Protein backbone atom coordinates (compact mmCIF):
# COMPACT_ATOMS: atom_id res chain seq x y z
CA ALA A 1 62.58 183.64 124.43
CA TRP A 2 60.60 186.17 122.44
CA LYS A 3 58.58 186.49 119.23
CA LEU A 4 57.26 189.35 117.15
CA GLY A 5 55.39 189.22 113.87
CA THR A 6 53.07 191.22 111.67
CA GLY A 7 51.58 190.74 108.23
CA LEU A 8 48.57 189.93 106.08
CA GLN A 9 47.00 186.60 107.07
CA THR A 10 43.95 184.49 106.34
CA ARG A 11 41.54 183.95 109.24
CA ARG A 12 38.23 182.13 109.42
CA VAL A 13 35.33 184.45 110.31
CA PRO A 14 31.58 183.88 110.72
CA ASP A 15 29.29 184.58 107.80
CA PRO A 16 25.61 183.71 107.22
CA ASP A 17 26.49 180.24 105.82
CA GLY A 18 29.01 179.23 108.56
CA LEU A 19 32.66 180.26 108.42
CA ASP A 20 34.51 181.91 105.56
CA ASP A 21 38.12 182.89 104.94
CA ALA A 22 38.95 186.59 105.31
CA SER A 23 42.15 188.61 105.06
CA VAL A 24 43.24 190.34 108.28
CA TRP A 25 46.35 192.22 109.31
CA GLY A 26 47.69 190.21 112.23
CA THR A 27 50.25 191.42 114.75
CA HIS A 28 51.55 189.42 117.71
CA ALA A 29 54.25 189.84 120.33
CA GLY A 30 55.27 187.52 123.12
CA ILE A 31 57.90 186.69 125.71
CA GLY A 32 58.66 183.53 127.61
CA LEU A 33 61.19 180.95 128.63
CA ALA A 34 63.23 178.36 126.74
CA TRP A 35 65.12 175.39 128.17
CA ASP A 36 67.49 172.92 126.49
CA PRO A 37 67.47 169.81 128.74
CA THR A 38 69.69 167.79 126.34
CA PRO A 39 71.64 168.60 123.17
CA GLY A 40 69.26 168.81 120.22
CA VAL A 41 66.09 169.41 122.29
CA LEU A 42 64.70 172.86 123.11
CA LEU A 43 61.47 173.30 125.12
CA TYR A 44 59.72 176.68 125.24
CA GLY A 45 56.67 178.48 126.58
CA LEU A 46 55.50 181.97 125.58
CA GLY A 47 52.78 184.35 126.68
CA ASP A 48 51.65 186.77 123.99
CA LEU A 49 49.19 189.39 122.81
CA ARG A 50 47.55 189.30 119.39
CA LEU A 51 45.75 192.00 117.40
CA ASP A 52 43.91 191.20 114.17
CA VAL A 53 42.41 194.04 112.09
CA GLY A 54 40.13 193.63 109.08
CA PRO A 55 36.74 194.69 107.70
CA ASP A 56 35.26 191.17 108.06
CA LEU A 57 35.82 191.10 111.84
CA LYS A 58 33.07 192.30 114.18
CA GLY A 59 34.04 195.91 114.94
CA SER A 60 36.94 195.47 112.45
CA VAL A 61 39.26 194.32 115.28
CA SER A 62 40.02 191.30 117.45
CA PHE A 63 42.43 191.51 120.40
CA GLY A 64 43.46 189.14 123.15
CA PRO A 65 46.08 187.24 125.13
CA GLY A 66 47.43 183.83 124.32
CA ALA A 67 50.03 181.20 125.09
CA LYS A 68 52.23 178.87 123.04
CA ILE A 69 54.27 175.84 124.07
CA GLY A 70 56.47 173.62 121.98
CA VAL A 71 59.59 171.59 121.47
CA PHE A 72 62.27 171.80 118.79
CA ALA A 73 64.24 168.68 117.85
CA GLY A 74 67.64 169.20 116.22
CA THR A 75 70.37 171.74 116.74
CA ALA A 76 70.46 175.13 115.01
CA GLY A 77 73.32 173.96 112.77
CA MET A 78 71.46 170.90 111.42
CA ARG A 79 69.88 171.00 107.96
CA TRP A 80 66.69 169.31 109.28
CA ARG A 81 64.78 170.37 112.42
CA GLY A 82 61.44 169.27 113.80
CA HIS A 83 58.98 171.42 115.75
CA LEU A 84 55.90 170.29 117.71
CA PHE A 85 53.68 173.08 119.09
CA GLY A 86 50.35 174.04 120.60
CA GLU A 87 48.84 177.49 121.03
CA VAL A 88 45.65 179.14 122.25
CA THR A 89 44.45 182.74 121.92
CA ARG A 90 41.42 184.17 123.71
CA PHE A 91 40.22 187.13 121.67
CA GLY A 92 38.30 189.10 124.31
CA LEU A 93 37.88 192.52 122.65
CA GLY A 94 36.17 193.26 119.35
CA ASP A 95 35.46 190.05 117.48
CA THR A 96 35.50 187.60 120.43
CA THR A 97 36.37 183.91 120.14
CA THR A 98 38.96 181.37 121.23
CA ARG A 99 41.45 180.08 118.66
CA ILE A 100 43.31 176.81 119.20
CA ARG A 101 46.10 175.54 116.97
CA ALA A 102 48.43 172.53 117.29
CA GLY A 103 50.86 171.19 114.75
CA LEU A 104 54.07 169.67 113.58
CA GLU A 105 56.61 171.17 111.20
CA ALA A 106 59.77 170.00 109.49
CA ARG A 107 62.33 172.65 108.51
CA LEU A 108 65.01 172.13 105.88
CA THR A 109 67.73 174.81 105.94
CA LEU A 110 68.74 175.61 102.36
CA SER A 111 71.23 178.39 103.17
CA ARG A 112 72.15 180.69 106.03
CA HIS A 113 69.11 182.89 105.30
CA THR A 114 66.67 180.51 103.59
CA ALA A 115 64.57 177.58 104.82
CA LEU A 116 61.85 175.33 103.41
CA ILE A 117 59.14 174.47 105.96
CA LEU A 118 56.54 171.70 105.71
CA GLU A 119 53.74 172.10 108.27
CA ALA A 120 50.62 170.15 109.23
CA ASP A 121 48.28 171.50 111.88
CA PHE A 122 44.87 171.25 113.53
CA ASN A 123 42.81 174.43 113.97
CA ARG A 124 39.69 175.38 115.93
CA ILE A 125 37.86 178.74 115.99
CA TYR A 126 34.19 179.73 116.44
CA GLY A 127 33.42 176.09 117.36
CA GLU A 128 34.60 174.68 114.00
CA SER A 129 37.68 172.46 113.56
CA TRP A 130 39.75 171.59 110.48
CA PRO A 131 43.20 170.29 109.52
CA ALA A 132 45.59 172.28 107.35
CA ALA A 133 48.95 171.80 105.65
CA SER A 134 51.39 174.23 104.10
CA ILE A 135 54.73 174.52 102.36
CA GLN A 136 56.61 177.74 103.11
CA LEU A 137 59.81 179.27 101.82
CA ASN A 138 61.22 181.59 104.49
CA ARG A 139 63.88 184.19 103.75
CA HIS A 140 65.49 185.75 106.82
CA PHE A 141 67.48 188.96 106.94
């Protein structure tokens, strides 16, 4: 199993009044293992590296290793798939902190290259926790 991603993201960063949202350019890459113990179930684990760059980060950069585990329910050909996951990143260089994220998503495949994703997750960074939810439209090429 592998993953690779880059793009503009929102990240919580310290400010004088607590935490605030800031835009960072985030890049991550990881490799790991996947196992399908039964039809319709896929378990995975990944180790990765993450680099965030932005003017609101201490030293304008944050870099560190992480890990992600999860399970997919549903086969690739199904219109609906579920995904339960947990991940942790220890940013050890630049703006240092530990980020924890766990969540559940439901994916509806609209076409071969398009999917609608509903996601709910729990986040923790700089000692503060909060829930989040999103609706995403993904277009693959």
